[in-house]
């Protein structure tokens, strides 16, 4: 079973690496390819067990891939269906299947996160850099601007320039 690599880059994808969006995209694509290779390896290993009743298969849907359990007759199965079957197996093999389930879940989540990261960087590349915006008028107003300000609150902000004091004046 392949080892799941834990990658923690606290500086983010653009710090100290040249900082180009193309580098970020290429790095994300390479990490996604590694995850797909690890998925294929785990699937192959689970299917190579002699006398197996179930195995992990790579399931593809559009641009996504996931590891899923299937019974030997190719029916889909979930872990709650598989887990009771481990009681009849040798302890070492049962432990291998438990570990395979854990690794499969990690790989599925890593794949999902990397696809989102790749989608994000591709969107940033296609849109280009954002212009700087002032957030002063939207502080504390929630997504979409929240509820409209009262007339007295708006007047207070214009007069004082302080949004915090305006909330108290409008009450």
Protein backbone atom coordinates (compact mmCIF):
# COMPACT_ATOMS: atom_id res chain seq x y z
CA UNK A 1 0.00 0.00 0.00
CA UNK A 2 1.37 3.40 -0.96
CA UNK A 3 2.27 5.84 1.75
CA UNK A 4 0.06 8.89 1.93
CA UNK A 5 2.27 11.95 1.94
CA UNK A 6 1.20 14.72 4.25
CA UNK A 7 2.00 18.04 2.61
CA UNK A 8 1.77 21.10 4.81
CA UNK A 9 2.94 24.30 3.17
CA UNK A 10 2.22 27.00 5.74
CA UNK A 11 3.57 29.74 3.48
CA UNK A 12 1.07 29.04 0.69
CA UNK A 13 1.63 28.21 -2.95
CA UNK A 14 3.13 31.54 -4.01
CA UNK A 15 5.67 32.30 -1.27
CA UNK A 16 9.34 31.95 -2.19
CA UNK A 17 8.74 29.78 -5.24
CA UNK A 18 8.98 32.32 -8.01
CA UNK A 19 5.34 33.15 -7.46
CA UNK A 20 3.90 32.67 -10.92
CA UNK A 21 0.43 31.35 -11.44
CA UNK A 22 1.73 28.92 -14.06
CA UNK A 23 4.08 27.40 -11.46
CA UNK A 24 1.19 27.06 -9.03
CA UNK A 25 -0.95 25.36 -11.70
CA UNK A 26 1.87 23.01 -12.75
CA UNK A 27 2.61 22.09 -9.12
CA UNK A 28 -1.07 21.37 -8.46
CA UNK A 29 -1.35 19.25 -11.61
CA UNK A 30 1.73 17.26 -10.56
CA UNK A 31 0.34 16.65 -7.06
CA UNK A 32 -3.01 15.59 -8.54
CA UNK A 33 -1.23 13.14 -10.87
CA UNK A 34 0.56 11.67 -7.81
CA UNK A 35 -2.77 11.16 -6.05
CA UNK A 36 -4.20 9.44 -9.15
CA UNK A 37 -1.15 7.15 -9.29
CA UNK A 38 -1.54 6.27 -5.59
CA UNK A 39 -5.24 5.55 -6.15
CA UNK A 40 -4.43 3.21 -9.04
CA UNK A 41 -1.76 1.45 -6.98
CA UNK A 42 -4.11 0.89 -4.01
CA UNK A 43 -6.81 -0.39 -6.35
CA UNK A 44 -4.39 -2.82 -8.01
CA UNK A 45 -3.15 -4.07 -4.63
CA UNK A 46 -6.68 -4.66 -3.32
CA UNK A 47 -7.66 -6.54 -6.49
CA UNK A 48 -4.57 -8.77 -6.32
CA UNK A 49 -5.56 -10.46 -3.02
CA UNK A 50 -6.30 -14.15 -3.53
CA UNK A 51 -9.80 -15.27 -2.61
CA UNK A 52 -11.04 -11.73 -2.17
CA UNK A 53 -14.75 -10.96 -1.86
CA UNK A 54 -14.38 -7.23 -2.51
CA UNK A 55 -11.84 -4.69 -3.69
CA UNK A 56 -11.27 -1.00 -4.22
CA UNK A 57 -11.84 0.34 -7.72
CA UNK A 58 -11.14 3.78 -9.16
CA UNK A 59 -14.48 5.30 -10.08
CA UNK A 60 -14.38 8.13 -12.62
CA UNK A 61 -17.11 10.71 -13.09
CA UNK A 62 -16.39 13.60 -15.47
CA UNK A 63 -13.10 15.08 -14.25
CA UNK A 64 -13.18 13.45 -10.78
CA UNK A 65 -11.87 10.10 -9.57
CA UNK A 66 -12.67 8.31 -6.34
CA UNK A 67 -11.80 4.99 -4.75
CA UNK A 68 -14.92 2.94 -4.07
CA UNK A 69 -15.55 -0.56 -2.80
CA UNK A 70 -17.06 -3.18 -5.09
CA UNK A 71 -18.00 -6.75 -4.37
CA UNK A 72 -16.48 -9.53 -6.49
CA UNK A 73 -19.70 -9.63 -8.57
CA UNK A 74 -19.07 -5.91 -9.37
CA UNK A 75 -21.92 -4.59 -7.17
CA UNK A 76 -21.10 -1.35 -5.37
CA UNK A 77 -20.58 -1.63 -1.61
CA UNK A 78 -19.98 0.82 1.21
CA UNK A 79 -17.63 0.41 4.14
CA UNK A 80 -20.48 -0.42 6.57
CA UNK A 81 -21.29 -3.40 4.31
CA UNK A 82 -17.63 -4.45 3.98
CA UNK A 83 -16.53 -4.08 7.61
CA UNK A 84 -18.61 -6.97 9.08
CA UNK A 85 -17.11 -9.31 6.48
CA UNK A 86 -13.65 -8.72 8.00
CA UNK A 87 -14.57 -10.80 11.07
CA UNK A 88 -14.18 -14.00 9.04
CA UNK A 89 -10.69 -13.08 7.80
CA UNK A 90 -7.20 -13.53 9.18
CA UNK A 91 -6.38 -10.65 11.56
CA UNK A 92 -3.51 -9.39 9.39
CA UNK A 93 -5.66 -9.27 6.25
CA UNK A 94 -8.55 -7.63 8.10
CA UNK A 95 -6.16 -4.96 9.40
CA UNK A 96 -4.85 -4.41 5.85
CA UNK A 97 -8.42 -3.77 4.64
CA UNK A 98 -9.07 -1.34 7.50
CA UNK A 99 -5.91 0.55 6.64
CA UNK A 100 -6.84 0.48 2.92
CA UNK A 101 -10.20 2.08 3.76
CA UNK A 102 -8.45 4.80 5.76
CA UNK A 103 -5.97 5.51 2.95
CA UNK A 104 -8.78 5.46 0.36
CA UNK A 105 -10.68 8.12 2.30
CA UNK A 106 -7.57 10.29 2.58
CA UNK A 107 -6.82 9.93 -1.14
CA UNK A 108 -10.43 10.75 -2.05
CA UNK A 109 -10.33 13.93 0.03
CA UNK A 110 -6.90 14.95 -1.27
CA UNK A 111 -8.11 14.45 -4.85
CA UNK A 112 -11.16 16.61 -4.20
CA UNK A 113 -9.11 19.39 -2.59
CA UNK A 114 -6.50 19.37 -5.36
CA UNK A 115 -9.17 19.49 -8.08
CA UNK A 116 -10.66 22.52 -6.33
CA UNK A 117 -7.23 24.14 -6.05
CA UNK A 118 -6.55 23.49 -9.75
CA UNK A 119 -9.94 24.91 -10.70
CA UNK A 120 -9.22 27.98 -8.59
CA UNK A 121 -5.81 28.70 -10.07
CA UNK A 122 -7.13 28.17 -13.62
CA UNK A 123 -9.94 30.65 -12.87
CA UNK A 124 -7.42 33.17 -11.50
CA UNK A 125 -5.27 32.75 -14.62
CA UNK A 126 -8.25 33.24 -16.95
CA UNK A 127 -9.69 36.25 -15.09
CA UNK A 128 -6.41 37.99 -14.33
CA UNK A 129 -5.45 39.96 -11.23
CA UNK A 130 -8.18 41.71 -9.23
CA UNK A 131 -8.07 45.42 -8.71
CA UNK A 132 -7.76 46.64 -5.15
CA UNK A 133 -11.15 47.42 -3.63
CA UNK A 134 -12.12 49.28 -0.54
CA UNK A 135 -14.00 47.12 1.92
CA UNK A 136 -14.87 49.99 4.23
CA UNK A 137 -18.51 50.18 3.15
CA UNK A 138 -19.11 46.44 3.49
CA UNK A 139 -17.56 45.73 6.88
CA UNK A 140 -20.02 43.94 9.12
CA UNK A 141 -22.72 43.84 6.48
CA UNK A 142 -22.39 40.16 5.55
CA UNK A 143 -22.45 38.46 2.19
CA UNK A 144 -24.19 40.55 -0.43
CA UNK A 145 -24.15 43.65 1.77
CA UNK A 146 -26.59 42.50 4.43
CA UNK A 147 -29.63 44.61 5.20
CA UNK A 148 -29.78 48.19 3.96
CA UNK A 149 -28.68 50.98 6.24
CA UNK A 150 -31.23 53.38 7.68
CA UNK A 151 -31.16 56.99 6.50
CA UNK A 152 -29.83 58.22 9.83
CA UNK A 153 -27.08 55.59 9.80
CA UNK A 154 -26.03 56.53 6.26
CA UNK A 155 -25.97 60.22 7.19
CA UNK A 156 -23.87 59.47 10.30
CA UNK A 157 -21.30 57.54 8.25
CA UNK A 158 -21.03 60.40 5.77
CA UNK A 159 -20.68 62.94 8.57
CA UNK A 160 -18.22 61.08 10.78
CA UNK A 161 -16.60 58.55 8.44
CA UNK A 162 -16.94 55.99 11.23
CA UNK A 163 -19.15 53.01 10.48
CA UNK A 164 -19.06 51.77 14.10
CA UNK A 165 -20.57 54.93 15.53
CA UNK A 166 -23.25 54.98 12.84
CA UNK A 167 -24.72 51.71 14.08
CA UNK A 168 -25.24 53.22 17.53
CA UNK A 169 -26.80 56.40 16.12
CA UNK A 170 -29.34 54.46 14.06
CA UNK A 171 -30.79 52.64 17.10
